[in-house]
Amino acid sequence: MKNKVVIVTGVPGVGGTTLTQKAIEKLEKEGIHYQLVNFGTVMFEVAKSENLVENRDQLRKLDPDTQKRIQKMAGRKIAEMAMKGPVIVDTHSTVRTPKGYLAGLPKWVLDELNPDIIVLVETTGDEILMRRLGDTSRNRDLETTKSIEEHQFMNRCAAMAYGVLTGATVKIIKNRDKLLDDAVEELVSVLK
């Protein structure tokens, strides 16, 4: 029997991964165990096992049919993990590309994952911009507050579409500066 599958997503710099890790730590203390997986990492592992890539950046360069097959296999692998226990999938709802927004969870991935809950982590465009500017460990494209807010809007639209396709609920959690503990509590209550 499949256990709970929760997708946590947000624009780069919103703090979704940190928020999720802290919520998992808190749940562990209560005896509730989730496995956290990054969808891109699982895709990379699948592609590498077939000798298609040597690093994650090469995933983008695979032909579309191969990418689709690898995405589907990664979704299936995560669904198999959910047979053993609850899973949180850290991924992107949408990806901004030079040609427009790309769905992070196309139908063939959703069919495999069959998520129960989709969590969107958000904050203001100003806060995300300041976090990105302060993070020297990453090489991110510089965006305006307006473009960040547009990306968050597109994530909301995509998440609702994913919910329509799967029956998953969609929860928006605000991860405001200096209020991480509040966001953690909210995510913990969703995951229980």
Protein backbone atom coordinates (compact mmCIF):
# COMPACT_ATOMS: atom_id res chain seq x y z
CA MET A 1 0.00 0.00 0.00
CA LYS A 2 1.26 3.46 -0.95
CA ASN A 3 2.11 5.82 1.90
CA LYS A 4 1.73 9.57 1.76
CA VAL A 5 3.52 11.41 -1.06
CA VAL A 6 3.97 15.14 -0.45
CA ILE A 7 5.51 17.49 -2.99
CA VAL A 8 7.22 20.60 -1.60
CA THR A 9 8.05 23.29 -4.11
CA GLY A 10 8.96 26.95 -4.36
CA VAL A 11 11.07 29.34 -6.38
CA PRO A 12 14.85 29.24 -5.85
CA GLY A 13 15.77 31.15 -2.69
CA VAL A 14 12.40 30.82 -0.93
CA GLY A 15 13.87 28.39 1.62
CA GLY A 16 11.78 25.33 0.81
CA THR A 17 14.55 22.81 1.38
CA THR A 18 15.57 24.34 4.73
CA LEU A 19 11.94 24.51 5.84
CA THR A 20 11.34 20.88 4.87
CA GLN A 21 14.48 19.62 6.61
CA LYS A 22 13.53 21.39 9.84
CA ALA A 23 9.97 20.02 9.69
CA ILE A 24 11.33 16.49 9.18
CA GLU A 25 13.64 16.90 12.20
CA LYS A 26 10.69 17.98 14.34
CA LEU A 27 8.52 15.08 13.11
CA GLU A 28 11.34 12.58 13.80
CA LYS A 29 11.24 13.63 17.47
CA GLU A 30 7.54 12.72 17.46
CA GLY A 31 8.22 9.33 15.88
CA ILE A 32 6.94 10.30 12.42
CA HIS A 33 9.40 9.40 9.67
CA TYR A 34 9.49 10.85 6.15
CA GLN A 35 12.06 10.18 3.46
CA LEU A 36 13.12 13.39 1.70
CA VAL A 37 14.06 13.01 -1.97
CA ASN A 38 15.03 15.58 -4.56
CA PHE A 39 13.39 14.79 -7.92
CA GLY A 40 16.38 16.05 -9.92
CA THR A 41 18.75 13.85 -7.92
CA VAL A 42 16.62 10.76 -8.59
CA MET A 43 16.51 11.65 -12.30
CA PHE A 44 20.29 11.97 -12.30
CA GLU A 45 20.71 8.60 -10.57
CA VAL A 46 18.46 6.91 -13.16
CA ALA A 47 20.26 8.54 -16.11
CA LYS A 48 23.69 7.79 -14.65
CA SER A 49 22.78 4.12 -14.12
CA GLU A 50 22.13 3.97 -17.88
CA ASN A 51 25.44 5.75 -18.61
CA LEU A 52 23.59 8.67 -20.20
CA VAL A 53 25.16 11.41 -18.05
CA GLU A 54 28.09 12.03 -15.75
CA ASN A 55 26.68 15.09 -13.95
CA ARG A 56 23.30 16.73 -13.31
CA ASP A 57 23.87 19.58 -15.75
CA GLN A 58 23.93 17.06 -18.61
CA LEU A 59 20.30 16.08 -17.91
CA ARG A 60 19.09 19.23 -19.67
CA LYS A 61 21.01 18.25 -22.79
CA LEU A 62 19.36 14.84 -23.24
CA ASP A 63 16.90 14.62 -26.12
CA PRO A 64 13.28 15.26 -25.07
CA ASP A 65 12.14 11.63 -25.49
CA THR A 66 14.99 10.41 -23.26
CA GLN A 67 14.25 13.13 -20.69
CA LYS A 68 10.60 12.11 -20.62
CA ARG A 69 11.52 8.45 -20.13
CA ILE A 70 14.00 9.33 -17.35
CA GLN A 71 11.40 11.57 -15.64
CA LYS A 72 8.85 8.77 -15.72
CA MET A 73 11.36 6.25 -14.33
CA ALA A 74 12.33 8.69 -11.56
CA GLY A 75 8.65 9.14 -10.68
CA ARG A 76 8.20 5.37 -10.56
CA LYS A 77 11.29 4.99 -8.35
CA ILE A 78 9.92 7.56 -5.89
CA ALA A 79 6.51 5.84 -5.94
CA GLU A 80 8.30 2.60 -5.00
CA MET A 81 9.92 4.43 -2.06
CA ALA A 82 6.42 5.45 -0.95
CA MET A 83 5.50 1.77 -0.68
CA LYS A 84 7.99 1.57 2.23
CA GLY A 85 7.10 4.84 3.99
CA PRO A 86 5.93 8.43 3.53
CA VAL A 87 7.95 10.51 1.07
CA ILE A 88 8.51 14.24 0.57
CA VAL A 89 9.58 15.20 -2.94
CA ASP A 90 11.60 18.42 -3.18
CA THR A 91 11.22 19.75 -6.72
CA HIS A 92 10.20 22.71 -8.88
CA SER A 93 6.57 23.41 -9.74
CA THR A 94 7.71 25.37 -12.79
CA VAL A 95 11.09 26.14 -14.30
CA ARG A 96 11.74 29.52 -15.93
CA THR A 97 13.44 29.02 -19.30
CA PRO A 98 14.38 31.50 -22.04
CA LYS A 99 11.33 30.26 -24.00
CA GLY A 100 8.86 30.48 -21.11
CA TYR A 101 7.81 28.45 -18.09
CA LEU A 102 8.19 24.68 -18.16
CA ALA A 103 6.01 22.43 -15.99
CA GLY A 104 8.18 20.82 -13.32
CA LEU A 105 5.73 17.93 -12.92
CA PRO A 106 4.35 16.89 -16.31
CA LYS A 107 1.41 14.48 -16.42
CA TRP A 108 3.58 11.39 -16.90
CA VAL A 109 5.43 12.22 -13.67
CA LEU A 110 2.23 12.99 -11.76
CA ASP A 111 0.77 9.66 -12.94
CA GLU A 112 3.71 7.85 -11.31
CA LEU A 113 3.93 9.95 -8.12
CA ASN A 114 0.18 10.32 -7.49
CA PRO A 115 0.79 12.95 -4.75
CA ASP A 116 -1.54 13.45 -1.80
CA ILE A 117 -0.48 17.02 -0.98
CA ILE A 118 1.33 19.74 -2.90
CA VAL A 119 2.95 22.41 -0.71
CA LEU A 120 3.96 25.75 -2.20
CA VAL A 121 6.51 27.65 -0.12
CA GLU A 122 6.31 31.39 -0.76
CA THR A 123 7.35 34.76 0.57
CA THR A 124 7.56 38.26 -0.87
CA GLY A 125 9.58 38.92 -4.00
CA ASP A 126 11.70 41.40 -2.02
CA GLU A 127 12.65 38.80 0.58
CA ILE A 128 13.56 36.22 -2.07
CA LEU A 129 15.65 38.76 -3.98
CA MET A 130 17.56 39.72 -0.81
CA ARG A 131 18.15 36.04 0.07
CA ARG A 132 19.50 35.37 -3.42
CA LEU A 133 21.79 38.39 -3.29
CA GLY A 134 23.13 37.22 0.08
CA ASP A 135 23.79 33.65 -1.10
CA THR A 136 27.27 33.69 -2.63
CA SER A 137 27.39 29.88 -2.81
CA ARG A 138 25.01 29.82 -5.81
CA ASN A 139 25.32 31.28 -9.30
CA ARG A 140 21.74 32.40 -9.93
CA ASP A 141 20.39 34.62 -12.68
CA LEU A 142 19.57 38.08 -11.37
CA GLU A 143 15.84 38.70 -11.42
CA THR A 144 13.61 41.58 -10.43
CA THR A 145 11.06 41.43 -7.62
CA LYS A 146 8.35 41.55 -10.29
CA SER A 147 9.75 38.53 -12.19
CA ILE A 148 10.06 36.55 -8.93
CA GLU A 149 6.44 37.32 -8.08
CA GLU A 150 5.40 36.28 -11.60
CA HIS A 151 7.26 32.98 -11.11
CA GLN A 152 5.44 32.40 -7.81
CA PHE A 153 2.12 33.11 -9.56
CA MET A 154 2.97 30.58 -12.28
CA ASN A 155 3.85 28.05 -9.54
CA ARG A 156 0.41 28.56 -8.00
CA CYS A 157 -1.30 28.05 -11.36
CA ALA A 158 0.71 24.90 -12.06
CA ALA A 159 0.13 23.51 -8.55
CA MET A 160 -3.63 23.90 -8.92
CA ALA A 161 -3.47 22.16 -12.30
CA TYR A 162 -1.50 19.34 -10.66
CA GLY A 163 -4.19 19.15 -7.99
CA VAL A 164 -6.92 18.91 -10.63
CA LEU A 165 -5.06 16.06 -12.36
CA THR A 166 -4.32 14.08 -9.18
CA GLY A 167 -6.88 15.06 -6.56
CA ALA A 168 -4.04 16.34 -4.33
CA THR A 169 -4.69 19.24 -2.01
CA VAL A 170 -2.61 22.39 -2.49
CA LYS A 171 -1.27 24.20 0.59
CA ILE A 172 0.53 27.56 0.51
CA ILE A 173 2.97 28.19 3.37
CA LYS A 174 4.56 31.61 3.86
CA ASN A 175 8.25 31.41 4.80
CA ARG A 176 8.82 35.01 5.91
CA ASP A 177 12.14 36.35 7.17
CA LYS A 178 12.63 35.70 10.90
CA LEU A 179 9.44 33.57 10.97
CA LEU A 180 10.90 30.20 9.94
CA ASP A 181 9.62 28.52 13.12
CA ASP A 182 6.04 29.50 12.24
CA ALA A 183 6.43 28.04 8.75
CA VAL A 184 7.95 24.85 10.22
CA GLU A 185 4.96 24.44 12.56
CA GLU A 186 2.55 24.92 9.66
CA LEU A 187 4.36 22.34 7.51
CA VAL A 188 4.52 19.87 10.41
CA SER A 189 0.75 20.12 10.84
CA VAL A 190 0.26 19.43 7.11
CA LEU A 191 2.58 16.41 7.22
CA LYS A 192 0.99 14.76 10.30
